[in-house]
Amino acid sequence: MAIDATFWVAVSFIIFFGALIYLKIPQKISEMLDKMISDIKNEIDESEKLRTEAKTLLDNSQKKLDTAQSVSNEILENAKKDADRLIIEMNDIATQNVASIAIIFIPISF
């Protein structure tokens, strides 16, 4: 019986896989992959939590911005109304002053 190279390749193949199984390499690889999967799931959960928190902060900031714009518009409207009212009052006062000055300076003819 002649032992050829194919036989030795088969024997070394069996020995190699036997050693892998004996040293529990597949189990270690499985544990390592499970740990990596768990870490990735934790990172995904954390990123979802952070995304939700960021969305909440964005919504709150948007509400504050809307409120600030509303208050700003209200202040501007009040300022315009006050300015218009003051212009009318100043015009009335100026008209009264001009009328009283005109009365003083009316030439009296003799």
PDB file of N, CA and C in Angstrom:
ATOM      1  N   MET A   1       0.829  -1.159   0.000  1.00  0.00           N
ATOM      2  CA  MET A   1       0.000   0.000   0.000  1.00  0.00           C
ATOM      3  C   MET A   1       0.884   1.236   0.000  1.00  0.00           C
ATOM      4  N   ALA A   2       0.604   2.058  -0.959  1.00  0.00           N
ATOM      5  CA  ALA A   2       1.396   3.264  -1.121  1.00  0.00           C
ATOM      6  C   ALA A   2       0.638   4.439  -0.517  1.00  0.00           C
ATOM      7  N   ILE A   3       1.339   5.177   0.329  1.00  0.00           N
ATOM      8  CA  ILE A   3       0.733   6.361   0.943  1.00  0.00           C
ATOM      9  C   ILE A   3       1.178   7.558   0.113  1.00  0.00           C
ATOM     10  N   ASP A   4       0.172   8.196  -0.456  1.00  0.00           N
ATOM     11  CA  ASP A   4       0.506   9.329  -1.311  1.00  0.00           C
ATOM     12  C   ASP A   4       0.230  10.646  -0.579  1.00  0.00           C
ATOM     13  N   ALA A   5       0.415  11.772  -1.234  1.00  0.00           N
ATOM     14  CA  ALA A   5       0.281  13.106  -0.650  1.00  0.00           C
ATOM     15  C   ALA A   5      -1.157  13.403  -0.243  1.00  0.00           C
ATOM     16  N   THR A   6      -2.124  12.875  -0.971  1.00  0.00           N
ATOM     17  CA  THR A   6      -3.527  13.123  -0.652  1.00  0.00           C
ATOM     18  C   THR A   6      -3.864  12.557   0.725  1.00  0.00           C
ATOM     19  N   PHE A   7      -3.317  11.398   1.033  1.00  0.00           N
ATOM     20  CA  PHE A   7      -3.538  10.785   2.337  1.00  0.00           C
ATOM     21  C   PHE A   7      -2.992  11.690   3.445  1.00  0.00           C
ATOM     22  N   TRP A   8      -1.784  12.212   3.272  1.00  0.00           N
ATOM     23  CA  TRP A   8      -1.164  13.046   4.300  1.00  0.00           C
ATOM     24  C   TRP A   8      -1.896  14.394   4.447  1.00  0.00           C
ATOM     25  N   VAL A   9      -2.411  14.895   3.363  1.00  0.00           N
ATOM     26  CA  VAL A   9      -3.198  16.132   3.443  1.00  0.00           C
ATOM     27  C   VAL A   9      -4.479  15.865   4.247  1.00  0.00           C
ATOM     28  N   ALA A  10      -5.117  14.749   4.007  1.00  0.00           N
ATOM     29  CA  ALA A  10      -6.332  14.389   4.740  1.00  0.00           C
ATOM     30  C   ALA A  10      -6.021  14.196   6.217  1.00  0.00           C
ATOM     31  N   VAL A  11      -4.893  13.523   6.527  1.00  0.00           N
ATOM     32  CA  VAL A  11      -4.502  13.302   7.924  1.00  0.00           C
ATOM     33  C   VAL A  11      -4.215  14.638   8.610  1.00  0.00           C
ATOM     34  N   SER A  12      -3.456  15.503   7.951  1.00  0.00           N
ATOM     35  CA  SER A  12      -3.137  16.799   8.565  1.00  0.00           C
ATOM     36  C   SER A  12      -4.396  17.654   8.722  1.00  0.00           C
ATOM     37  N   PHE A  13      -5.332  17.532   7.777  1.00  0.00           N
ATOM     38  CA  PHE A  13      -6.598  18.250   7.858  1.00  0.00           C
ATOM     39  C   PHE A  13      -7.377  17.799   9.097  1.00  0.00           C
ATOM     40  N   ILE A  14      -7.442  16.501   9.310  1.00  0.00           N
ATOM     41  CA  ILE A  14      -8.157  15.945  10.468  1.00  0.00           C
ATOM     42  C   ILE A  14      -7.463  16.349  11.762  1.00  0.00           C
ATOM     43  N   ILE A  15      -6.142  16.304  11.772  1.00  0.00           N
ATOM     44  CA  ILE A  15      -5.397  16.699  12.980  1.00  0.00           C
ATOM     45  C   ILE A  15      -5.616  18.183  13.285  1.00  0.00           C
ATOM     46  N   PHE A  16      -5.575  18.993  12.265  1.00  0.00           N
ATOM     47  CA  PHE A  16      -5.753  20.437  12.431  1.00  0.00           C
ATOM     48  C   PHE A  16      -7.118  20.747  13.036  1.00  0.00           C
ATOM     49  N   PHE A  17      -8.193  20.196  12.442  1.00  0.00           N
ATOM     50  CA  PHE A  17      -9.520  20.455  12.968  1.00  0.00           C
ATOM     51  C   PHE A  17      -9.727  19.809  14.332  1.00  0.00           C
ATOM     52  N   GLY A  18      -9.104  18.679  14.583  1.00  0.00           N
ATOM     53  CA  GLY A  18      -9.158  18.056  15.911  1.00  0.00           C
ATOM     54  C   GLY A  18      -8.519  18.964  16.948  1.00  0.00           C
ATOM     55  N   ALA A  19      -7.368  19.580  16.593  1.00  0.00           N
ATOM     56  CA  ALA A  19      -6.691  20.497  17.518  1.00  0.00           C
ATOM     57  C   ALA A  19      -7.558  21.733  17.774  1.00  0.00           C
ATOM     58  N   LEU A  20      -8.199  22.239  16.731  1.00  0.00           N
ATOM     59  CA  LEU A  20      -9.075  23.405  16.912  1.00  0.00           C
ATOM     60  C   LEU A  20     -10.217  23.087  17.871  1.00  0.00           C
ATOM     61  N   ILE A  21     -10.807  21.940  17.690  1.00  0.00           N
ATOM     62  CA  ILE A  21     -11.916  21.532  18.558  1.00  0.00           C
ATOM     63  C   ILE A  21     -11.419  21.260  19.971  1.00  0.00           C
ATOM     64  N   TYR A  22     -10.262  20.622  20.105  1.00  0.00           N
ATOM     65  CA  TYR A  22      -9.692  20.307  21.408  1.00  0.00           C
ATOM     66  C   TYR A  22      -9.370  21.595  22.184  1.00  0.00           C
ATOM     67  N   LEU A  23      -8.843  22.591  21.495  1.00  0.00           N
ATOM     68  CA  LEU A  23      -8.485  23.858  22.139  1.00  0.00           C
ATOM     69  C   LEU A  23      -9.685  24.807  22.287  1.00  0.00           C
ATOM     70  N   LYS A  24     -10.852  24.362  21.877  1.00  0.00           N
ATOM     71  CA  LYS A  24     -12.101  25.106  21.981  1.00  0.00           C
ATOM     72  C   LYS A  24     -12.033  26.453  21.249  1.00  0.00           C
ATOM     73  N   ILE A  25     -11.368  26.458  20.134  1.00  0.00           N
ATOM     74  CA  ILE A  25     -11.250  27.667  19.324  1.00  0.00           C
ATOM     75  C   ILE A  25     -12.615  28.121  18.791  1.00  0.00           C
ATOM     76  N   PRO A  26     -13.456  27.221  18.270  1.00  0.00           N
ATOM     77  CA  PRO A  26     -14.774  27.690  17.793  1.00  0.00           C
ATOM     78  C   PRO A  26     -15.602  28.331  18.908  1.00  0.00           C
ATOM     79  N   GLN A  27     -15.514  27.777  20.116  1.00  0.00           N
ATOM     80  CA  GLN A  27     -16.253  28.340  21.245  1.00  0.00           C
ATOM     81  C   GLN A  27     -15.712  29.726  21.585  1.00  0.00           C
ATOM     82  N   LYS A  28     -14.399  29.891  21.563  1.00  0.00           N
ATOM     83  CA  LYS A  28     -13.790  31.189  21.860  1.00  0.00           C
ATOM     84  C   LYS A  28     -14.162  32.219  20.799  1.00  0.00           C
ATOM     85  N   ILE A  29     -14.174  31.799  19.557  1.00  0.00           N
ATOM     86  CA  ILE A  29     -14.572  32.692  18.469  1.00  0.00           C
ATOM     87  C   ILE A  29     -16.034  33.089  18.635  1.00  0.00           C
ATOM     88  N   SER A  30     -16.871  32.117  18.995  1.00  0.00           N
ATOM     89  CA  SER A  30     -18.292  32.398  19.205  1.00  0.00           C
ATOM     90  C   SER A  30     -18.488  33.384  20.357  1.00  0.00           C
ATOM     91  N   GLU A  31     -17.763  33.188  21.455  1.00  0.00           N
ATOM     92  CA  GLU A  31     -17.860  34.096  22.593  1.00  0.00           C
ATOM     93  C   GLU A  31     -17.404  35.505  22.208  1.00  0.00           C
ATOM     94  N   MET A  32     -16.335  35.579  21.444  1.00  0.00           N
ATOM     95  CA  MET A  32     -15.814  36.869  21.010  1.00  0.00           C
ATOM     96  C   MET A  32     -16.828  37.587  20.111  1.00  0.00           C
ATOM     97  N   LEU A  33     -17.428  36.836  19.196  1.00  0.00           N
ATOM     98  CA  LEU A  33     -18.434  37.417  18.315  1.00  0.00           C
ATOM     99  C   LEU A  33     -19.675  37.853  19.092  1.00  0.00           C
ATOM    100  N   ASP A  34     -20.090  37.036  20.082  1.00  0.00           N
ATOM    101  CA  ASP A  34     -21.229  37.402  20.918  1.00  0.00           C
ATOM    102  C   ASP A  34     -20.955  38.692  21.689  1.00  0.00           C
ATOM    103  N   LYS A  35     -19.725  38.824  22.206  1.00  0.00           N
ATOM    104  CA  LYS A  35     -19.351  40.040  22.929  1.00  0.00           C
ATOM    105  C   LYS A  35     -19.384  41.237  21.990  1.00  0.00           C
ATOM    106  N   MET A  36     -18.874  41.068  20.783  1.00  0.00           N
ATOM    107  CA  MET A  36     -18.887  42.163  19.816  1.00  0.00           C
ATOM    108  C   MET A  36     -20.320  42.551  19.457  1.00  0.00           C
ATOM    109  N   ILE A  37     -21.181  41.553  19.299  1.00  0.00           N
ATOM    110  CA  ILE A  37     -22.594  41.824  18.998  1.00  0.00           C
ATOM    111  C   ILE A  37     -23.234  42.590  20.154  1.00  0.00           C
ATOM    112  N   SER A  38     -22.949  42.173  21.373  1.00  0.00           N
ATOM    113  CA  SER A  38     -23.493  42.842  22.551  1.00  0.00           C
ATOM    114  C   SER A  38     -23.004  44.287  22.629  1.00  0.00           C
ATOM    115  N   ASP A  39     -21.720  44.513  22.372  1.00  0.00           N
ATOM    116  CA  ASP A  39     -21.171  45.873  22.396  1.00  0.00           C
ATOM    117  C   ASP A  39     -21.827  46.751  21.335  1.00  0.00           C
ATOM    118  N   ILE A  40     -22.022  46.195  20.153  1.00  0.00           N
ATOM    119  CA  ILE A  40     -22.650  46.967  19.074  1.00  0.00           C
ATOM    120  C   ILE A  40     -24.096  47.302  19.434  1.00  0.00           C
ATOM    121  N   LYS A  41     -24.819  46.339  20.022  1.00  0.00           N
ATOM    122  CA  LYS A  41     -26.202  46.606  20.445  1.00  0.00           C
ATOM    123  C   LYS A  41     -26.241  47.704  21.501  1.00  0.00           C
ATOM    124  N   ASN A  42     -25.292  47.669  22.446  1.00  0.00           N
ATOM    125  CA  ASN A  42     -25.229  48.703  23.478  1.00  0.00           C
ATOM    126  C   ASN A  42     -24.953  50.072  22.864  1.00  0.00           C
ATOM    127  N   GLU A  43     -24.055  50.121  21.894  1.00  0.00           N
ATOM    128  CA  GLU A  43     -23.750  51.384  21.227  1.00  0.00           C
ATOM    129  C   GLU A  43     -24.973  51.904  20.461  1.00  0.00           C
ATOM    130  N   ILE A  44     -25.699  51.011  19.831  1.00  0.00           N
ATOM    131  CA  ILE A  44     -26.916  51.416  19.103  1.00  0.00           C
ATOM    132  C   ILE A  44     -27.949  51.953  20.082  1.00  0.00           C
ATOM    133  N   ASP A  45     -28.129  51.266  21.210  1.00  0.00           N
ATOM    134  CA  ASP A  45     -29.086  51.735  22.217  1.00  0.00           C
ATOM    135  C   ASP A  45     -28.677  53.104  22.753  1.00  0.00           C
ATOM    136  N   GLU A  46     -27.391  53.282  23.014  1.00  0.00           N
ATOM    137  CA  GLU A  46     -26.891  54.563  23.521  1.00  0.00           C
ATOM    138  C   GLU A  46     -27.092  55.671  22.487  1.00  0.00           C
ATOM    139  N   SER A  47     -26.837  55.347  21.224  1.00  0.00           N
ATOM    140  CA  SER A  47     -27.018  56.367  20.182  1.00  0.00           C
ATOM    141  C   SER A  47     -28.488  56.724  20.015  1.00  0.00           C
ATOM    142  N   GLU A  48     -29.383  55.757  20.150  1.00  0.00           N
ATOM    143  CA  GLU A  48     -30.814  56.044  20.097  1.00  0.00           C
ATOM    144  C   GLU A  48     -31.223  56.947  21.260  1.00  0.00           C
ATOM    145  N   LYS A  49     -30.681  56.666  22.430  1.00  0.00           N
ATOM    146  CA  LYS A  49     -30.967  57.480  23.603  1.00  0.00           C
ATOM    147  C   LYS A  49     -30.470  58.910  23.386  1.00  0.00           C
ATOM    148  N   LEU A  50     -29.263  59.042  22.874  1.00  0.00           N
ATOM    149  CA  LEU A  50     -28.707  60.364  22.614  1.00  0.00           C
ATOM    150  C   LEU A  50     -29.498  61.100  21.527  1.00  0.00           C
ATOM    151  N   ARG A  51     -29.947  60.363  20.515  1.00  0.00           N
ATOM    152  CA  ARG A  51     -30.735  60.977  19.447  1.00  0.00           C
ATOM    153  C   ARG A  51     -32.050  61.503  20.002  1.00  0.00           C
ATOM    154  N   THR A  52     -32.695  60.718  20.866  1.00  0.00           N
ATOM    155  CA  THR A  52     -33.951  61.143  21.480  1.00  0.00           C
ATOM    156  C   THR A  52     -33.731  62.378  22.351  1.00  0.00           C
ATOM    157  N   GLU A  53     -32.655  62.359  23.107  1.00  0.00           N
ATOM    158  CA  GLU A  53     -32.335  63.505  23.968  1.00  0.00           C
ATOM    159  C   GLU A  53     -32.050  64.752  23.123  1.00  0.00           C
ATOM    160  N   ALA A  54     -31.314  64.571  22.035  1.00  0.00           N
ATOM    161  CA  ALA A  54     -31.011  65.700  21.150  1.00  0.00           C
ATOM    162  C   ALA A  54     -32.283  66.248  20.514  1.00  0.00           C
ATOM    163  N   LYS A  55     -33.203  65.371  20.143  1.00  0.00           N
ATOM    164  CA  LYS A  55     -34.468  65.820  19.555  1.00  0.00           C
ATOM    165  C   LYS A  55     -35.275  66.602  20.579  1.00  0.00           C
ATOM    166  N   THR A  56     -35.288  66.148  21.820  1.00  0.00           N
ATOM    167  CA  THR A  56     -35.989  66.869  22.883  1.00  0.00           C
ATOM    168  C   THR A  56     -35.384  68.253  23.087  1.00  0.00           C
ATOM    169  N   LEU A  57     -34.055  68.314  23.118  1.00  0.00           N
ATOM    170  CA  LEU A  57     -33.389  69.605  23.280  1.00  0.00           C
ATOM    171  C   LEU A  57     -33.679  70.525  22.097  1.00  0.00           C
ATOM    172  N   LEU A  58     -33.698  69.965  20.903  1.00  0.00           N
ATOM    173  CA  LEU A  58     -34.010  70.759  19.715  1.00  0.00           C
ATOM    174  C   LEU A  58     -35.427  71.305  19.785  1.00  0.00           C
ATOM    175  N   ASP A  59     -36.373  70.468  20.185  1.00  0.00           N
ATOM    176  CA  ASP A  59     -37.762  70.913  20.307  1.00  0.00           C
ATOM    177  C   ASP A  59     -37.889  72.030  21.344  1.00  0.00           C
ATOM    178  N   ASN A  60     -37.208  71.864  22.485  1.00  0.00           N
ATOM    179  CA  ASN A  60     -37.252  72.884  23.528  1.00  0.00           C
ATOM    180  C   ASN A  60     -36.637  74.192  23.034  1.00  0.00           C
ATOM    181  N   SER A  61     -35.534  74.076  22.342  1.00  0.00           N
ATOM    182  CA  SER A  61     -34.879  75.273  21.805  1.00  0.00           C
ATOM    183  C   SER A  61     -35.761  75.952  20.773  1.00  0.00           C
ATOM    184  N   GLN A  62     -36.428  75.173  19.948  1.00  0.00           N
ATOM    185  CA  GLN A  62     -37.322  75.742  18.941  1.00  0.00           C
ATOM    186  C   GLN A  62     -38.484  76.471  19.609  1.00  0.00           C
ATOM    187  N   LYS A  63     -39.026  75.883  20.686  1.00  0.00           N
ATOM    188  CA  LYS A  63     -40.115  76.538  21.413  1.00  0.00           C
ATOM    189  C   LYS A  63     -39.640  77.859  22.014  1.00  0.00           C
ATOM    190  N   LYS A  64     -38.432  77.848  22.596  1.00  0.00           N
ATOM    191  CA  LYS A  64     -37.889  79.076  23.179  1.00  0.00           C
ATOM    192  C   LYS A  64     -37.668  80.126  22.097  1.00  0.00           C
ATOM    193  N   LEU A  65     -37.178  79.705  20.947  1.00  0.00           N
ATOM    194  CA  LEU A  65     -36.964  80.632  19.840  1.00  0.00           C
ATOM    195  C   LEU A  65     -38.284  81.218  19.363  1.00  0.00           C
ATOM    196  N   ASP A  66     -39.299  80.379  19.227  1.00  0.00           N
ATOM    197  CA  ASP A  66     -40.613  80.863  18.806  1.00  0.00           C
ATOM    198  C   ASP A  66     -41.175  81.866  19.823  1.00  0.00           C
ATOM    199  N   THR A  67     -41.021  81.558  21.104  1.00  0.00           N
ATOM    200  CA  THR A  67     -41.486  82.459  22.152  1.00  0.00           C
ATOM    201  C   THR A  67     -40.727  83.781  22.097  1.00  0.00           C
ATOM    202  N   ALA A  68     -39.419  83.705  21.920  1.00  0.00           N
ATOM    203  CA  ALA A  68     -38.607  84.920  21.849  1.00  0.00           C
ATOM    204  C   ALA A  68     -38.999  85.763  20.640  1.00  0.00           C
ATOM    205  N   GLN A  69     -39.264  85.124  19.514  1.00  0.00           N
ATOM    206  CA  GLN A  69     -39.681  85.867  18.331  1.00  0.00           C
ATOM    207  C   GLN A  69     -41.042  86.512  18.556  1.00  0.00           C
ATOM    208  N   SER A  70     -41.934  85.808  19.217  1.00  0.00           N
ATOM    209  CA  SER A  70     -43.263  86.351  19.519  1.00  0.00           C
ATOM    210  C   SER A  70     -43.145  87.564  20.432  1.00  0.00           C
ATOM    211  N   VAL A  71     -42.343  87.445  21.469  1.00  0.00           N
ATOM    212  CA  VAL A  71     -42.136  88.561  22.397  1.00  0.00           C
ATOM    213  C   VAL A  71     -41.482  89.724  21.670  1.00  0.00           C
ATOM    214  N   SER A  72     -40.518  89.434  20.834  1.00  0.00           N
ATOM    215  CA  SER A  72     -39.843  90.475  20.059  1.00  0.00           C
ATOM    216  C   SER A  72     -40.822  91.213  19.157  1.00  0.00           C
ATOM    217  N   ASN A  73     -41.676  90.472  18.464  1.00  0.00           N
ATOM    218  CA  ASN A  73     -42.677  91.099  17.605  1.00  0.00           C
ATOM    219  C   ASN A  73     -43.654  91.957  18.420  1.00  0.00           C
ATOM    220  N   GLU A  74     -44.026  91.459  19.579  1.00  0.00           N
ATOM    221  CA  GLU A  74     -44.933  92.219  20.452  1.00  0.00           C
ATOM    222  C   GLU A  74     -44.275  93.512  20.921  1.00  0.00           C
ATOM    223  N   ILE A  75     -43.017  93.435  21.301  1.00  0.00           N
ATOM    224  CA  ILE A  75     -42.285  94.629  21.734  1.00  0.00           C
ATOM    225  C   ILE A  75     -42.188  95.633  20.588  1.00  0.00           C
ATOM    226  N   LEU A  76     -41.898  95.135  19.378  1.00  0.00           N
ATOM    227  CA  LEU A  76     -41.825  96.030  18.227  1.00  0.00           C
ATOM    228  C   LEU A  76     -43.160  96.710  17.947  1.00  0.00           C
ATOM    229  N   GLU A  77     -44.239  95.955  18.017  1.00  0.00           N
ATOM    230  CA  GLU A  77     -45.565  96.534  17.796  1.00  0.00           C
ATOM    231  C   GLU A  77     -45.882  97.606  18.840  1.00  0.00           C
ATOM    232  N   ASN A  78     -45.562  97.309  20.107  1.00  0.00           N
ATOM    233  CA  ASN A  78     -45.800  98.283  21.165  1.00  0.00           C
ATOM    234  C   ASN A  78     -44.947  99.534  20.962  1.00  0.00           C
ATOM    235  N   ALA A  79     -43.703  99.331  20.544  1.00  0.00           N
ATOM    236  CA  ALA A  79     -42.816 100.466  20.298  1.00  0.00           C
ATOM    237  C   ALA A  79     -43.340 101.314  19.141  1.00  0.00           C
ATOM    238  N   LYS A  80     -43.839 100.680  18.086  1.00  0.00           N
ATOM    239  CA  LYS A  80     -44.398 101.435  16.960  1.00  0.00           C
ATOM    240  C   LYS A  80     -45.629 102.227  17.395  1.00  0.00           C
ATOM    241  N   LYS A  81     -46.500 101.586  18.193  1.00  0.00           N
ATOM    242  CA  LYS A  81     -47.691 102.283  18.676  1.00  0.00           C
ATOM    243  C   LYS A  81     -47.308 103.468  19.555  1.00  0.00           C
ATOM    244  N   ASP A  82     -46.318 103.250  20.458  1.00  0.00           N
ATOM    245  CA  ASP A  82     -45.860 104.339  21.319  1.00  0.00           C
ATOM    246  C   ASP A  82     -45.240 105.461  20.493  1.00  0.00           C
ATOM    247  N   ALA A  83     -44.460 105.108  19.491  1.00  0.00           N
ATOM    248  CA  ALA A  83     -43.834 106.120  18.637  1.00  0.00           C
ATOM    249  C   ALA A  83     -44.891 106.910  17.879  1.00  0.00           C
ATOM    250  N   ASP A  84     -45.885 106.233  17.337  1.00  0.00           N
ATOM    251  CA  ASP A  84     -46.965 106.932  16.632  1.00  0.00           C
ATOM    252  C   ASP A  84     -47.722 107.862  17.579  1.00  0.00           C
ATOM    253  N   ARG A  85     -48.007 107.372  18.774  1.00  0.00           N
ATOM    254  CA  ARG A  85     -48.706 108.181  19.765  1.00  0.00           C
ATOM    255  C   ARG A  85     -47.874 109.401  20.148  1.00  0.00           C
ATOM    256  N   LEU A  86     -46.563 109.205  20.352  1.00  0.00           N
ATOM    257  CA  LEU A  86     -45.689 110.329  20.715  1.00  0.00           C
ATOM    258  C   LEU A  86     -45.591 111.344  19.573  1.00  0.00           C
ATOM    259  N   ILE A  87     -45.554 110.865  18.332  1.00  0.00           N
ATOM    260  CA  ILE A  87     -45.496 111.775  17.183  1.00  0.00           C
ATOM    261  C   ILE A  87     -46.759 112.636  17.146  1.00  0.00           C
ATOM    262  N   ILE A  88     -47.898 112.014  17.358  1.00  0.00           N
ATOM    263  CA  ILE A  88     -49.162 112.767  17.361  1.00  0.00           C
ATOM    264  C   ILE A  88     -49.174 113.781  18.502  1.00  0.00           C
ATOM    265  N   GLU A  89     -48.741 113.370  19.688  1.00  0.00           N
ATOM    266  CA  GLU A  89     -48.702 114.294  20.826  1.00  0.00           C
ATOM    267  C   GLU A  89     -47.749 115.453  20.558  1.00  0.00           C
ATOM    268  N   MET A  90     -46.566 115.154  20.014  1.00  0.00           N
ATOM    269  CA  MET A  90     -45.587 116.203  19.723  1.00  0.00           C
ATOM    270  C   MET A  90     -46.117 117.156  18.651  1.00  0.00           C
ATOM    271  N   ASN A  91     -46.817 116.608  17.661  1.00  0.00           N
ATOM    272  CA  ASN A  91     -47.410 117.471  16.640  1.00  0.00           C
ATOM    273  C   ASN A  91     -48.466 118.385  17.263  1.00  0.00           C
ATOM    274  N   ASP A  92     -49.285 117.858  18.148  1.00  0.00           N
ATOM    275  CA  ASP A  92     -50.297 118.669  18.823  1.00  0.00           C
ATOM    276  C   ASP A  92     -49.648 119.757  19.666  1.00  0.00           C
ATOM    277  N   ILE A  93     -48.604 119.368  20.412  1.00  0.00           N
ATOM    278  CA  ILE A  93     -47.897 120.352  21.249  1.00  0.00           C
ATOM    279  C   ILE A  93     -47.242 121.414  20.377  1.00  0.00           C
ATOM    280  N   ALA A  94     -46.610 120.975  19.288  1.00  0.00           N
ATOM    281  CA  ALA A  94     -45.959 121.936  18.393  1.00  0.00           C
ATOM    282  C   ALA A  94     -46.989 122.870  17.775  1.00  0.00           C
ATOM    283  N   THR A  95     -48.131 122.338  17.395  1.00  0.00           N
ATOM    284  CA  THR A  95     -49.187 123.168  16.816  1.00  0.00           C
ATOM    285  C   THR A  95     -49.677 124.187  17.846  1.00  0.00           C
ATOM    286  N   GLN A  96     -49.852 123.759  19.068  1.00  0.00           N
ATOM    287  CA  GLN A  96     -50.283 124.679  20.126  1.00  0.00           C
ATOM    288  C   GLN A  96     -49.228 125.754  20.374  1.00  0.00           C
ATOM    289  N   ASN A  97     -47.949 125.369  20.367  1.00  0.00           N
ATOM    290  CA  ASN A  97     -46.872 126.331  20.599  1.00  0.00           C
ATOM    291  C   ASN A  97     -46.797 127.330  19.454  1.00  0.00           C
ATOM    292  N   VAL A  98     -46.948 126.868  18.247  1.00  0.00           N
ATOM    293  CA  VAL A  98     -46.902 127.757  17.093  1.00  0.00           C
ATOM    294  C   VAL A  98     -48.075 128.734  17.158  1.00  0.00           C
ATOM    295  N   ALA A  99     -49.242 128.239  17.547  1.00  0.00           N
ATOM    296  CA  ALA A  99     -50.414 129.100  17.648  1.00  0.00           C
ATOM    297  C   ALA A  99     -50.207 130.153  18.729  1.00  0.00           C
ATOM    298  N   SER A 100     -49.643 129.760  19.864  1.00  0.00           N
ATOM    299  CA  SER A 100     -49.439 130.728  20.939  1.00  0.00           C
ATOM    300  C   SER A 100     -48.348 131.727  20.566  1.00  0.00           C
ATOM    301  N   ILE A 101     -47.324 131.280  19.839  1.00  0.00           N
ATOM    302  CA  ILE A 101     -46.273 132.199  19.384  1.00  0.00           C
ATOM    303  C   ILE A 101     -46.840 133.147  18.339  1.00  0.00           C
ATOM    304  N   ALA A 102     -47.690 132.649  17.479  1.00  0.00           N
ATOM    305  CA  ALA A 102     -48.280 133.492  16.445  1.00  0.00           C
ATOM    306  C   ALA A 102     -49.134 134.587  17.083  1.00  0.00           C
ATOM    307  N   ILE A 103     -49.817 134.273  18.143  1.00  0.00           N
ATOM    308  CA  ILE A 103     -50.648 135.264  18.822  1.00  0.00           C
ATOM    309  C   ILE A 103     -49.772 136.356  19.421  1.00  0.00           C
ATOM    310  N   ILE A 104     -48.641 135.973  19.951  1.00  0.00           N
ATOM    311  CA  ILE A 104     -47.743 136.940  20.571  1.00  0.00           C
ATOM    312  C   ILE A 104     -47.153 137.881  19.527  1.00  0.00           C
ATOM    313  N   PHE A 105     -46.817 137.380  18.376  1.00  0.00           N
ATOM    314  CA  PHE A 105     -46.124 138.167  17.382  1.00  0.00           C
ATOM    315  C   PHE A 105     -47.051 138.778  16.325  1.00  0.00           C
ATOM    316  N   ILE A 106     -48.317 138.753  16.524  1.00  0.00           N
ATOM    317  CA  ILE A 106     -49.214 139.387  15.559  1.00  0.00           C
ATOM    318  C   ILE A 106     -49.002 140.911  15.691  1.00  0.00           C
ATOM    319  N   PRO A 107     -48.689 141.511  14.578  1.00  0.00           N
ATOM    320  CA  PRO A 107     -48.445 142.962  14.673  1.00  0.00           C
ATOM    321  C   PRO A 107     -49.761 143.708  14.963  1.00  0.00           C
ATOM    322  N   ILE A 108     -49.622 144.565  15.850  1.00  0.00           N
ATOM    323  CA  ILE A 108     -50.776 145.389  16.208  1.00  0.00           C
ATOM    324  C   ILE A 108     -50.662 146.677  15.384  1.00  0.00           C
ATOM    325  N   SER A 109     -51.667 146.958  14.624  1.00  0.00           N
ATOM    326  CA  SER A 109     -51.628 148.160  13.791  1.00  0.00           C
ATOM    327  C   SER A 109     -52.398 149.290  14.487  1.00  0.00           C
ATOM    328  N   PHE A 110     -51.803 150.458  14.453  1.00  0.00           N
ATOM    329  CA  PHE A 110     -52.399 151.631  15.103  1.00  0.00           C
ATOM    330  C   PHE A 110     -52.929 152.555  14.102  1.00  0.00           C
TER     331      PHE A 110
END
